[in-house]
């Protein structure tokens, strides 16, 4: 696969006189996406209206109907006589995004847009988009005090909007004081959330005893050192995939988010999403959950002879003869 050079810092002023003035005031992520789209249209035979229709098809395929905001995303599908009008309307809609007329690019539409870029433009756009706002510190066995110091230093350079810790049980602790150490870790992360005014998402491990239960759905007792984490966390969400434990389950491709704790959520409620393995993402799903299969009925006795219980003969439905 061929690669194309990164667009770098000159991106906002390298896409033509028509778009550059409006686009240089857009968020960096959008500048990356629009820049590679402009390059695609200039360097290939791709038609703008055709590309816009591809974006629309991906958007509608990825987004459940009840999650689509027609006012925020003015795209449409067309068939037959309506196809030409849809092509034109979608092309105009994408131009309004690219010239800066529309400032906000919804997350679902952003994903569909990037997915619609052919290679090598897609890979280059993904790489540049990730490099803009993502900072990764993979230093092993940090203490919570070290993480807090590094996060504050990074926040001083550019405000942190989301802090993700993968995972809370990878911190360096004194095993003899595990209960208190995890309490200190949870409190430290909560302090950063308040200090930065941003969400802090901390992943964690579950106890292995979970796999020995008949019901594999996790609960708060399954968290390692659950008492301290449960007390400090504002929200606790468990992720459960039934097909991980049962390959023949009727819930294939469905991921359950269990809202175990939260101030503004209904504790114990579950949200069911669709697992999009191809793009390593969770998507909204439509319709009701699949019905579980009916349990197998016991096989009838050979010859259809009635059963005898305690010397009394009963018919097929248990009526006394």
C-alpha atoms as a PDB file:
ATOM      1  CA  UNK A   1       0.000   0.000   0.000  1.00  0.00           C
ATOM      2  CA  UNK A   2       1.367   3.400  -0.991  1.00  0.00           C
ATOM      3  CA  UNK A   3       1.521   6.152   1.580  1.00  0.00           C
ATOM      4  CA  UNK A   4       1.121   9.885   1.250  1.00  0.00           C
ATOM      5  CA  UNK A   5       3.039  12.506   3.221  1.00  0.00           C
ATOM      6  CA  UNK A   6       1.537  13.964   6.372  1.00  0.00           C
ATOM      7  CA  UNK A   7      -0.224  17.278   5.937  1.00  0.00           C
ATOM      8  CA  UNK A   8       1.355  18.702   9.078  1.00  0.00           C
ATOM      9  CA  UNK A   9       0.981  22.233  10.352  1.00  0.00           C
ATOM     10  CA  UNK A  10       0.440  23.749   6.907  1.00  0.00           C
ATOM     11  CA  UNK A  11      -2.809  21.849   6.482  1.00  0.00           C
ATOM     12  CA  UNK A  12      -5.162  24.744   7.111  1.00  0.00           C
ATOM     13  CA  UNK A  13      -3.612  26.936   4.416  1.00  0.00           C
ATOM     14  CA  UNK A  14      -2.872  24.346   1.744  1.00  0.00           C
ATOM     15  CA  UNK A  15      -6.330  23.424   0.505  1.00  0.00           C
ATOM     16  CA  UNK A  16      -7.123  26.217  -1.934  1.00  0.00           C
ATOM     17  CA  UNK A  17      -8.301  29.828  -1.767  1.00  0.00           C
ATOM     18  CA  UNK A  18     -11.983  28.872  -1.530  1.00  0.00           C
ATOM     19  CA  UNK A  19     -11.720  26.795   1.649  1.00  0.00           C
ATOM     20  CA  UNK A  20      -8.645  27.960   3.515  1.00  0.00           C
ATOM     21  CA  UNK A  21     -10.083  31.105   5.142  1.00  0.00           C
ATOM     22  CA  UNK A  22     -13.065  29.365   6.707  1.00  0.00           C
ATOM     23  CA  UNK A  23     -11.293  26.138   7.586  1.00  0.00           C
ATOM     24  CA  UNK A  24      -8.395  27.598   9.542  1.00  0.00           C
ATOM     25  CA  UNK A  25     -10.850  28.406  12.336  1.00  0.00           C
ATOM     26  CA  UNK A  26     -12.139  24.821  12.529  1.00  0.00           C
ATOM     27  CA  UNK A  27     -10.967  22.214  15.078  1.00  0.00           C
ATOM     28  CA  UNK A  28      -7.761  20.450  14.094  1.00  0.00           C
ATOM     29  CA  UNK A  29      -9.482  17.081  13.681  1.00  0.00           C
ATOM     30  CA  UNK A  30     -11.818  18.526  11.069  1.00  0.00           C
ATOM     31  CA  UNK A  31      -8.946  20.263   9.295  1.00  0.00           C
ATOM     32  CA  UNK A  32      -7.223  16.898   8.909  1.00  0.00           C
ATOM     33  CA  UNK A  33     -10.304  15.162   7.510  1.00  0.00           C
ATOM     34  CA  UNK A  34     -11.258  17.970   5.138  1.00  0.00           C
ATOM     35  CA  UNK A  35      -7.664  18.390   4.004  1.00  0.00           C
ATOM     36  CA  UNK A  36      -7.331  14.770   2.937  1.00  0.00           C
ATOM     37  CA  UNK A  37     -10.758  14.895   1.305  1.00  0.00           C
ATOM     38  CA  UNK A  38      -9.704  17.919  -0.723  1.00  0.00           C
ATOM     39  CA  UNK A  39      -6.493  16.155  -1.694  1.00  0.00           C
ATOM     40  CA  UNK A  40      -8.472  13.057  -2.705  1.00  0.00           C
ATOM     41  CA  UNK A  41     -10.760  15.093  -4.971  1.00  0.00           C
ATOM     42  CA  UNK A  42      -7.824  16.922  -6.558  1.00  0.00           C
ATOM     43  CA  UNK A  43      -5.542  13.926  -7.072  1.00  0.00           C
ATOM     44  CA  UNK A  44      -8.051  11.312  -8.237  1.00  0.00           C
ATOM     45  CA  UNK A  45     -11.042  11.042 -10.515  1.00  0.00           C
ATOM     46  CA  UNK A  46     -13.375  10.881  -7.505  1.00  0.00           C
ATOM     47  CA  UNK A  47     -16.424  13.101  -7.916  1.00  0.00           C
ATOM     48  CA  UNK A  48     -17.404  15.223  -4.900  1.00  0.00           C
ATOM     49  CA  UNK A  49     -21.064  14.224  -5.109  1.00  0.00           C
ATOM     50  CA  UNK A  50     -20.208  10.534  -5.372  1.00  0.00           C
ATOM     51  CA  UNK A  51     -17.909  10.754  -2.360  1.00  0.00           C
ATOM     52  CA  UNK A  52     -20.650  12.561  -0.422  1.00  0.00           C
ATOM     53  CA  UNK A  53     -23.062   9.733  -1.205  1.00  0.00           C
ATOM     54  CA  UNK A  54     -20.520   7.211   0.083  1.00  0.00           C
ATOM     55  CA  UNK A  55     -20.275   9.192   3.323  1.00  0.00           C
ATOM     56  CA  UNK A  56     -24.067   9.184   3.593  1.00  0.00           C
ATOM     57  CA  UNK A  57     -24.279   5.418   3.019  1.00  0.00           C
ATOM     58  CA  UNK A  58     -21.661   4.740   5.711  1.00  0.00           C
ATOM     59  CA  UNK A  59     -23.324   7.158   8.109  1.00  0.00           C
ATOM     60  CA  UNK A  60     -26.759   5.547   7.783  1.00  0.00           C
ATOM     61  CA  UNK A  61     -25.247   2.055   8.013  1.00  0.00           C
ATOM     62  CA  UNK A  62     -23.399   2.918  11.241  1.00  0.00           C
ATOM     63  CA  UNK A  63     -26.091   4.931  13.029  1.00  0.00           C
ATOM     64  CA  UNK A  64     -29.398   3.710  14.421  1.00  0.00           C
ATOM     65  CA  UNK A  65     -32.452   5.665  13.157  1.00  0.00           C
ATOM     66  CA  UNK A  66     -33.386   7.060  16.583  1.00  0.00           C
ATOM     67  CA  UNK A  67     -29.859   8.484  16.965  1.00  0.00           C
ATOM     68  CA  UNK A  68     -29.895  10.418  13.677  1.00  0.00           C
ATOM     69  CA  UNK A  69     -30.417  14.136  13.875  1.00  0.00           C
ATOM     70  CA  UNK A  70     -31.546  15.279  10.433  1.00  0.00           C
ATOM     71  CA  UNK A  71     -31.009  18.909  11.371  1.00  0.00           C
ATOM     72  CA  UNK A  72     -27.410  18.321  12.476  1.00  0.00           C
ATOM     73  CA  UNK A  73     -26.563  15.903   9.631  1.00  0.00           C
ATOM     74  CA  UNK A  74     -28.332  17.008   6.418  1.00  0.00           C
ATOM     75  CA  UNK A  75     -27.584  13.848   4.437  1.00  0.00           C
ATOM     76  CA  UNK A  76     -30.084  11.664   2.616  1.00  0.00           C
ATOM     77  CA  UNK A  77     -30.301   8.420   0.731  1.00  0.00           C
ATOM     78  CA  UNK A  78     -31.736   8.279  -2.757  1.00  0.00           C
ATOM     79  CA  UNK A  79     -33.043   5.569  -5.043  1.00  0.00           C
ATOM     80  CA  UNK A  80     -34.315   5.586  -8.586  1.00  0.00           C
ATOM     81  CA  UNK A  81     -35.495   9.008  -9.749  1.00  0.00           C
ATOM     82  CA  UNK A  82     -34.509  10.531  -6.410  1.00  0.00           C
ATOM     83  CA  UNK A  83     -30.850   9.468  -6.660  1.00  0.00           C
ATOM     84  CA  UNK A  84     -29.690  12.482  -8.686  1.00  0.00           C
ATOM     85  CA  UNK A  85     -31.252  14.916  -6.214  1.00  0.00           C
ATOM     86  CA  UNK A  86     -29.704  13.048  -3.265  1.00  0.00           C
ATOM     87  CA  UNK A  87     -26.260  13.120  -4.902  1.00  0.00           C
ATOM     88  CA  UNK A  88     -26.489  16.868  -5.418  1.00  0.00           C
ATOM     89  CA  UNK A  89     -27.847  17.574  -1.924  1.00  0.00           C
ATOM     90  CA  UNK A  90     -25.192  15.470  -0.207  1.00  0.00           C
ATOM     91  CA  UNK A  91     -22.444  17.087  -2.242  1.00  0.00           C
ATOM     92  CA  UNK A  92     -23.657  20.530  -1.205  1.00  0.00           C
ATOM     93  CA  UNK A  93     -23.857  19.435   2.441  1.00  0.00           C
ATOM     94  CA  UNK A  94     -20.253  18.208   2.492  1.00  0.00           C
ATOM     95  CA  UNK A  95     -19.029  21.399   0.832  1.00  0.00           C
ATOM     96  CA  UNK A  96     -20.663  23.405   3.635  1.00  0.00           C
ATOM     97  CA  UNK A  97     -18.663  21.389   6.161  1.00  0.00           C
ATOM     98  CA  UNK A  98     -15.423  21.717   4.216  1.00  0.00           C
ATOM     99  CA  UNK A  99     -15.613  25.471   3.602  1.00  0.00           C
ATOM    100  CA  UNK A 100     -16.302  26.149   7.279  1.00  0.00           C
ATOM    101  CA  UNK A 101     -19.953  27.189   6.894  1.00  0.00           C
ATOM    102  CA  UNK A 102     -20.939  24.381   9.264  1.00  0.00           C
ATOM    103  CA  UNK A 103     -18.573  24.444  12.226  1.00  0.00           C
ATOM    104  CA  UNK A 104     -19.525  21.264  14.099  1.00  0.00           C
ATOM    105  CA  UNK A 105     -18.900  17.767  12.741  1.00  0.00           C
ATOM    106  CA  UNK A 106     -20.889  15.149  14.739  1.00  0.00           C
ATOM    107  CA  UNK A 107     -18.819  12.182  15.944  1.00  0.00           C
ATOM    108  CA  UNK A 108     -20.804   9.572  13.988  1.00  0.00           C
ATOM    109  CA  UNK A 109     -20.513  11.583  10.786  1.00  0.00           C
ATOM    110  CA  UNK A 110     -16.790  12.060  11.408  1.00  0.00           C
ATOM    111  CA  UNK A 111     -16.316   8.286  11.674  1.00  0.00           C
ATOM    112  CA  UNK A 112     -18.356   7.684   8.510  1.00  0.00           C
ATOM    113  CA  UNK A 113     -16.392  10.372   6.665  1.00  0.00           C
ATOM    114  CA  UNK A 114     -13.015   8.862   7.531  1.00  0.00           C
ATOM    115  CA  UNK A 115     -14.276   5.369   6.671  1.00  0.00           C
ATOM    116  CA  UNK A 116     -15.319   6.636   3.237  1.00  0.00           C
ATOM    117  CA  UNK A 117     -11.820   7.842   2.355  1.00  0.00           C
ATOM    118  CA  UNK A 118     -10.077   5.264   0.137  1.00  0.00           C
ATOM    119  CA  UNK A 119      -6.539   4.152   0.831  1.00  0.00           C
ATOM    120  CA  UNK A 120      -3.969   5.565   1.302  1.00  0.00           C
ATOM    121  CA  UNK A 121      -5.886   8.705   2.306  1.00  0.00           C
ATOM    122  CA  UNK A 122      -7.818   6.939   5.070  1.00  0.00           C
ATOM    123  CA  UNK A 123      -4.750   5.584   6.877  1.00  0.00           C
ATOM    124  CA  UNK A 124      -2.955   8.921   6.613  1.00  0.00           C
ATOM    125  CA  UNK A 125      -5.993  10.812   7.931  1.00  0.00           C
ATOM    126  CA  UNK A 126      -6.410   8.423  10.861  1.00  0.00           C
ATOM    127  CA  UNK A 127      -2.721   8.726  11.740  1.00  0.00           C
ATOM    128  CA  UNK A 128      -2.703  12.520  11.607  1.00  0.00           C
ATOM    129  CA  UNK A 129      -6.003  12.801  13.468  1.00  0.00           C
ATOM    130  CA  UNK A 130      -4.747  10.631  16.315  1.00  0.00           C
ATOM    131  CA  UNK A 131      -1.480  12.545  16.562  1.00  0.00           C
ATOM    132  CA  UNK A 132      -3.245  15.847  17.111  1.00  0.00           C
ATOM    133  CA  UNK A 133      -4.805  15.337  20.516  1.00  0.00           C
ATOM    134  CA  UNK A 134      -3.658  11.990  21.875  1.00  0.00           C
ATOM    135  CA  UNK A 135      -0.795  11.760  24.356  1.00  0.00           C
ATOM    136  CA  UNK A 136       0.272   8.293  25.502  1.00  0.00           C
ATOM    137  CA  UNK A 137       2.446   7.471  28.502  1.00  0.00           C
ATOM    138  CA  UNK A 138       3.192   3.758  28.576  1.00  0.00           C
ATOM    139  CA  UNK A 139       5.679   3.839  31.452  1.00  0.00           C
ATOM    140  CA  UNK A 140       5.098   0.653  33.461  1.00  0.00           C
ATOM    141  CA  UNK A 141       4.513   0.401  37.222  1.00  0.00           C
ATOM    142  CA  UNK A 142       3.856   4.055  37.947  1.00  0.00           C
ATOM    143  CA  UNK A 143       2.713   5.188  41.345  1.00  0.00           C
ATOM    144  CA  UNK A 144      -0.386   7.366  41.547  1.00  0.00           C
ATOM    145  CA  UNK A 145       1.741  10.346  42.656  1.00  0.00           C
ATOM    146  CA  UNK A 146       3.853  10.012  39.489  1.00  0.00           C
ATOM    147  CA  UNK A 147       0.805   9.819  37.225  1.00  0.00           C
ATOM    148  CA  UNK A 148      -0.714  12.890  38.869  1.00  0.00           C
ATOM    149  CA  UNK A 149       2.516  14.854  38.385  1.00  0.00           C
ATOM    150  CA  UNK A 150       2.774  13.889  34.707  1.00  0.00           C
ATOM    151  CA  UNK A 151      -0.897  14.622  34.064  1.00  0.00           C
ATOM    152  CA  UNK A 152      -0.572  18.070  35.630  1.00  0.00           C
ATOM    153  CA  UNK A 153       2.494  18.850  33.534  1.00  0.00           C
ATOM    154  CA  UNK A 154       0.657  17.847  30.367  1.00  0.00           C
ATOM    155  CA  UNK A 155      -2.448  19.776  31.403  1.00  0.00           C
ATOM    156  CA  UNK A 156      -0.329  22.904  31.888  1.00  0.00           C
ATOM    157  CA  UNK A 157       0.746  22.740  28.226  1.00  0.00           C
ATOM    158  CA  UNK A 158      -2.707  21.985  26.835  1.00  0.00           C
ATOM    159  CA  UNK A 159      -5.914  21.364  28.817  1.00  0.00           C
ATOM    160  CA  UNK A 160      -6.785  17.679  29.117  1.00  0.00           C
ATOM    161  CA  UNK A 161     -10.346  16.910  28.055  1.00  0.00           C
ATOM    162  CA  UNK A 162     -10.324  13.194  28.877  1.00  0.00           C
ATOM    163  CA  UNK A 163      -7.917  11.127  30.963  1.00  0.00           C
ATOM    164  CA  UNK A 164      -7.926   7.344  30.455  1.00  0.00           C
ATOM    165  CA  UNK A 165      -6.071   4.980  32.793  1.00  0.00           C
ATOM    166  CA  UNK A 166      -5.489   1.446  31.509  1.00  0.00           C
ATOM    167  CA  UNK A 167      -5.672   0.032  34.023  1.00  0.00           C
ATOM    168  CA  UNK A 168      -6.056   0.854  37.709  1.00  0.00           C
ATOM    169  CA  UNK A 169      -4.574  -2.460  38.854  1.00  0.00           C
ATOM    170  CA  UNK A 170      -1.326  -1.815  36.962  1.00  0.00           C
ATOM    171  CA  UNK A 171      -0.127   0.836  39.392  1.00  0.00           C
ATOM    172  CA  UNK A 172       2.836   0.029  41.588  1.00  0.00           C
ATOM    173  CA  UNK A 173       1.561  -0.722  45.092  1.00  0.00           C
ATOM    174  CA  UNK A 174       2.529  -2.426  48.321  1.00  0.00           C
ATOM    175  CA  UNK A 175       0.655  -5.733  48.171  1.00  0.00           C
ATOM    176  CA  UNK A 176       0.347  -5.814  51.953  1.00  0.00           C
ATOM    177  CA  UNK A 177      -1.526  -2.512  51.860  1.00  0.00           C
ATOM    178  CA  UNK A 178      -3.509  -3.177  48.680  1.00  0.00           C
ATOM    179  CA  UNK A 179      -6.837  -2.073  50.114  1.00  0.00           C
ATOM    180  CA  UNK A 180      -5.500   1.302  51.199  1.00  0.00           C
ATOM    181  CA  UNK A 181      -3.326   1.731  48.102  1.00  0.00           C
ATOM    182  CA  UNK A 182      -6.291   1.317  45.736  1.00  0.00           C
ATOM    183  CA  UNK A 183      -8.254   3.758  47.823  1.00  0.00           C
ATOM    184  CA  UNK A 184      -5.449   6.286  47.370  1.00  0.00           C
ATOM    185  CA  UNK A 185      -5.352   5.607  43.620  1.00  0.00           C
ATOM    186  CA  UNK A 186      -9.112   6.083  43.261  1.00  0.00           C
ATOM    187  CA  UNK A 187      -8.978   9.291  45.286  1.00  0.00           C
ATOM    188  CA  UNK A 188      -6.054  10.589  43.218  1.00  0.00           C
ATOM    189  CA  UNK A 189      -7.914  10.051  39.964  1.00  0.00           C
ATOM    190  CA  UNK A 190     -11.000  11.734  41.386  1.00  0.00           C
ATOM    191  CA  UNK A 191      -8.849  14.696  42.413  1.00  0.00           C
ATOM    192  CA  UNK A 192      -7.541  15.046  38.846  1.00  0.00           C
ATOM    193  CA  UNK A 193     -11.082  14.919  37.459  1.00  0.00           C
ATOM    194  CA  UNK A 194     -12.111  17.850  39.653  1.00  0.00           C
ATOM    195  CA  UNK A 195      -8.872  19.733  39.096  1.00  0.00           C
ATOM    196  CA  UNK A 196      -8.967  19.427  35.284  1.00  0.00           C
ATOM    197  CA  UNK A 197     -12.779  19.608  35.094  1.00  0.00           C
ATOM    198  CA  UNK A 198     -12.775  16.589  32.790  1.00  0.00           C
ATOM    199  CA  UNK A 199     -13.894  12.962  32.968  1.00  0.00           C
ATOM    200  CA  UNK A 200     -11.374  10.370  34.131  1.00  0.00           C
ATOM    201  CA  UNK A 201     -12.003   6.870  32.823  1.00  0.00           C
ATOM    202  CA  UNK A 202     -10.189   4.116  34.727  1.00  0.00           C
ATOM    203  CA  UNK A 203     -10.298   0.527  33.545  1.00  0.00           C
ATOM    204  CA  UNK A 204     -10.021  -2.288  36.078  1.00  0.00           C
ATOM    205  CA  UNK A 205      -9.786  -6.034  36.470  1.00  0.00           C
ATOM    206  CA  UNK A 206     -12.397  -8.433  37.790  1.00  0.00           C
ATOM    207  CA  UNK A 207     -11.913 -11.342  40.157  1.00  0.00           C
ATOM    208  CA  UNK A 208     -11.461 -14.702  38.475  1.00  0.00           C
ATOM    209  CA  UNK A 209     -14.258 -16.180  40.604  1.00  0.00           C
ATOM    210  CA  UNK A 210     -16.643 -14.678  38.072  1.00  0.00           C
ATOM    211  CA  UNK A 211     -15.892 -17.403  35.523  1.00  0.00           C
ATOM    212  CA  UNK A 212     -16.992 -20.107  37.963  1.00  0.00           C
ATOM    213  CA  UNK A 213     -20.528 -18.751  38.353  1.00  0.00           C
ATOM    214  CA  UNK A 214     -23.460 -19.781  36.240  1.00  0.00           C
ATOM    215  CA  UNK A 215     -24.427 -16.133  35.726  1.00  0.00           C
ATOM    216  CA  UNK A 216     -21.322 -14.519  34.237  1.00  0.00           C
ATOM    217  CA  UNK A 217     -22.665 -10.965  34.380  1.00  0.00           C
ATOM    218  CA  UNK A 218     -20.337  -8.997  36.695  1.00  0.00           C
ATOM    219  CA  UNK A 219     -21.367  -7.037  39.758  1.00  0.00           C
ATOM    220  CA  UNK A 220     -19.581  -4.716  42.181  1.00  0.00           C
ATOM    221  CA  UNK A 221     -18.334  -7.570  44.354  1.00  0.00           C
ATOM    222  CA  UNK A 222     -16.309  -8.805  41.366  1.00  0.00           C
ATOM    223  CA  UNK A 223     -14.050  -5.740  41.387  1.00  0.00           C
ATOM    224  CA  UNK A 224     -10.649  -6.327  42.902  1.00  0.00           C
ATOM    225  CA  UNK A 225     -10.503  -4.360  46.158  1.00  0.00           C
ATOM    226  CA  UNK A 226     -14.097  -3.445  45.361  1.00  0.00           C
ATOM    227  CA  UNK A 227     -14.824  -1.569  48.583  1.00  0.00           C
ATOM    228  CA  UNK A 228     -12.441   1.322  47.974  1.00  0.00           C
ATOM    229  CA  UNK A 229     -13.181   1.597  44.254  1.00  0.00           C
ATOM    230  CA  UNK A 230     -16.931   1.401  44.814  1.00  0.00           C
ATOM    231  CA  UNK A 231     -16.764   4.128  47.436  1.00  0.00           C
ATOM    232  CA  UNK A 232     -14.669   6.600  45.414  1.00  0.00           C
ATOM    233  CA  UNK A 233     -16.035   6.119  41.892  1.00  0.00           C
ATOM    234  CA  UNK A 234     -18.847   8.394  40.712  1.00  0.00           C
ATOM    235  CA  UNK A 235     -19.907   5.837  38.120  1.00  0.00           C
ATOM    236  CA  UNK A 236     -19.164   2.150  37.577  1.00  0.00           C
ATOM    237  CA  UNK A 237     -19.966   0.434  34.296  1.00  0.00           C
ATOM    238  CA  UNK A 238     -19.347  -3.238  33.526  1.00  0.00           C
ATOM    239  CA  UNK A 239     -18.919  -4.570  29.995  1.00  0.00           C
ATOM    240  CA  UNK A 240     -20.314  -8.056  29.360  1.00  0.00           C
ATOM    241  CA  UNK A 241     -20.248 -10.191  26.212  1.00  0.00           C
ATOM    242  CA  UNK A 242     -22.307 -13.335  26.587  1.00  0.00           C
ATOM    243  CA  UNK A 243     -20.739 -14.923  23.510  1.00  0.00           C
ATOM    244  CA  UNK A 244     -17.332 -14.818  25.223  1.00  0.00           C
ATOM    245  CA  UNK A 245     -18.568 -17.537  27.569  1.00  0.00           C
ATOM    246  CA  UNK A 246     -21.180 -19.220  25.348  1.00  0.00           C
ATOM    247  CA  UNK A 247     -20.332 -19.581  21.658  1.00  0.00           C
ATOM    248  CA  UNK A 248     -23.899 -20.686  20.890  1.00  0.00           C
ATOM    249  CA  UNK A 249     -25.641 -17.822  22.656  1.00  0.00           C
ATOM    250  CA  UNK A 250     -28.534 -15.984  21.051  1.00  0.00           C
ATOM    251  CA  UNK A 251     -26.783 -12.706  22.001  1.00  0.00           C
ATOM    252  CA  UNK A 252     -24.010 -12.935  19.414  1.00  0.00           C
ATOM    253  CA  UNK A 253     -22.594  -9.591  18.374  1.00  0.00           C
ATOM    254  CA  UNK A 254     -24.267  -7.824  21.299  1.00  0.00           C
ATOM    255  CA  UNK A 255     -22.357  -6.071  24.092  1.00  0.00           C
ATOM    256  CA  UNK A 256     -24.109  -5.296  27.375  1.00  0.00           C
ATOM    257  CA  UNK A 257     -23.125  -2.228  29.377  1.00  0.00           C
ATOM    258  CA  UNK A 258     -24.256  -2.723  32.966  1.00  0.00           C
ATOM    259  CA  UNK A 259     -24.736   0.543  34.865  1.00  0.00           C
ATOM    260  CA  UNK A 260     -23.775  -0.646  38.325  1.00  0.00           C
ATOM    261  CA  UNK A 261     -23.446   2.770  39.977  1.00  0.00           C
ATOM    262  CA  UNK A 262     -24.071   6.361  39.046  1.00  0.00           C
ATOM    263  CA  UNK A 263     -25.589   9.539  40.384  1.00  0.00           C
ATOM    264  CA  UNK A 264     -27.607  10.372  37.290  1.00  0.00           C
ATOM    265  CA  UNK A 265     -28.273   6.872  35.989  1.00  0.00           C
ATOM    266  CA  UNK A 266     -30.651   4.082  36.888  1.00  0.00           C
ATOM    267  CA  UNK A 267     -28.423   1.653  38.775  1.00  0.00           C
ATOM    268  CA  UNK A 268     -28.788  -1.906  37.550  1.00  0.00           C
ATOM    269  CA  UNK A 269     -30.020  -0.880  34.123  1.00  0.00           C
ATOM    270  CA  UNK A 270     -28.303  -2.279  31.020  1.00  0.00           C
ATOM    271  CA  UNK A 271     -27.604  -0.716  27.647  1.00  0.00           C
ATOM    272  CA  UNK A 272     -27.147  -3.064  24.705  1.00  0.00           C
ATOM    273  CA  UNK A 273     -24.858  -2.117  21.835  1.00  0.00           C
ATOM    274  CA  UNK A 274     -23.757  -3.754  18.601  1.00  0.00           C
ATOM    275  CA  UNK A 275     -20.166  -4.977  18.414  1.00  0.00           C
ATOM    276  CA  UNK A 276     -18.577  -3.715  15.204  1.00  0.00           C
ATOM    277  CA  UNK A 277     -15.553  -6.027  15.106  1.00  0.00           C
ATOM    278  CA  UNK A 278     -14.370  -4.753  11.712  1.00  0.00           C
ATOM    279  CA  UNK A 279     -13.767  -1.247  13.063  1.00  0.00           C
ATOM    280  CA  UNK A 280     -13.084  -2.037  16.740  1.00  0.00           C
ATOM    281  CA  UNK A 281     -16.096  -0.016  17.824  1.00  0.00           C
ATOM    282  CA  UNK A 282     -19.431  -0.301  19.599  1.00  0.00           C
ATOM    283  CA  UNK A 283     -22.456   0.934  17.659  1.00  0.00           C
ATOM    284  CA  UNK A 284     -26.050   1.723  18.535  1.00  0.00           C
ATOM    285  CA  UNK A 285     -28.378  -1.156  17.757  1.00  0.00           C
ATOM    286  CA  UNK A 286     -31.960  -1.227  16.568  1.00  0.00           C
ATOM    287  CA  UNK A 287     -34.967  -3.305  17.574  1.00  0.00           C
ATOM    288  CA  UNK A 288     -35.624  -5.690  20.419  1.00  0.00           C
ATOM    289  CA  UNK A 289     -33.114  -8.149  21.805  1.00  0.00           C
ATOM    290  CA  UNK A 290     -33.064 -11.620  20.221  1.00  0.00           C
ATOM    291  CA  UNK A 291     -35.360 -14.109  21.919  1.00  0.00           C
ATOM    292  CA  UNK A 292     -33.627 -17.005  23.680  1.00  0.00           C
ATOM    293  CA  UNK A 293     -34.276 -20.406  22.088  1.00  0.00           C
ATOM    294  CA  UNK A 294     -36.952 -22.569  23.638  1.00  0.00           C
ATOM    295  CA  UNK A 295     -35.564 -25.249  25.949  1.00  0.00           C
ATOM    296  CA  UNK A 296     -35.413 -28.733  24.506  1.00  0.00           C
ATOM    297  CA  UNK A 297     -38.435 -30.822  25.444  1.00  0.00           C
ATOM    298  CA  UNK A 298     -37.802 -34.296  26.840  1.00  0.00           C
ATOM    299  CA  UNK A 299     -38.116 -37.000  24.248  1.00  0.00           C
ATOM    300  CA  UNK A 300     -41.380 -38.986  24.372  1.00  0.00           C
ATOM    301  CA  UNK A 301     -41.282 -42.625  25.407  1.00  0.00           C
ATOM    302  CA  UNK A 302     -40.950 -45.196  22.656  1.00  0.00           C
ATOM    303  CA  UNK A 303     -44.323 -46.259  21.295  1.00  0.00           C
ATOM    304  CA  UNK A 304     -46.082 -43.372  23.028  1.00  0.00           C
ATOM    305  CA  UNK A 305     -47.006 -45.518  26.017  1.00  0.00           C
ATOM    306  CA  UNK A 306     -48.324 -43.651  29.071  1.00  0.00           C
ATOM    307  CA  UNK A 307     -46.210 -43.424  32.215  1.00  0.00           C
ATOM    308  CA  UNK A 308     -47.094 -45.053  35.547  1.00  0.00           C
ATOM    309  CA  UNK A 309     -46.493 -43.225  38.815  1.00  0.00           C
ATOM    310  CA  UNK A 310     -46.903 -45.041  42.142  1.00  0.00           C
ATOM    311  CA  UNK A 311     -49.098 -47.684  40.583  1.00  0.00           C
ATOM    312  CA  UNK A 312     -51.624 -45.148  39.275  1.00  0.00           C
ATOM    313  CA  UNK A 313     -51.894 -44.819  35.536  1.00  0.00           C
ATOM    314  CA  UNK A 314     -51.928 -41.274  34.166  1.00  0.00           C
ATOM    315  CA  UNK A 315     -52.621 -40.009  30.685  1.00  0.00           C
ATOM    316  CA  UNK A 316     -50.477 -37.805  28.591  1.00  0.00           C
ATOM    317  CA  UNK A 317     -51.553 -34.690  30.531  1.00  0.00           C
ATOM    318  CA  UNK A 318     -51.449 -36.235  34.015  1.00  0.00           C
ATOM    319  CA  UNK A 319     -55.198 -36.861  34.298  1.00  0.00           C
ATOM    320  CA  UNK A 320     -56.131 -39.759  36.533  1.00  0.00           C
ATOM    321  CA  UNK A 321     -57.657 -42.666  34.586  1.00  0.00           C
END
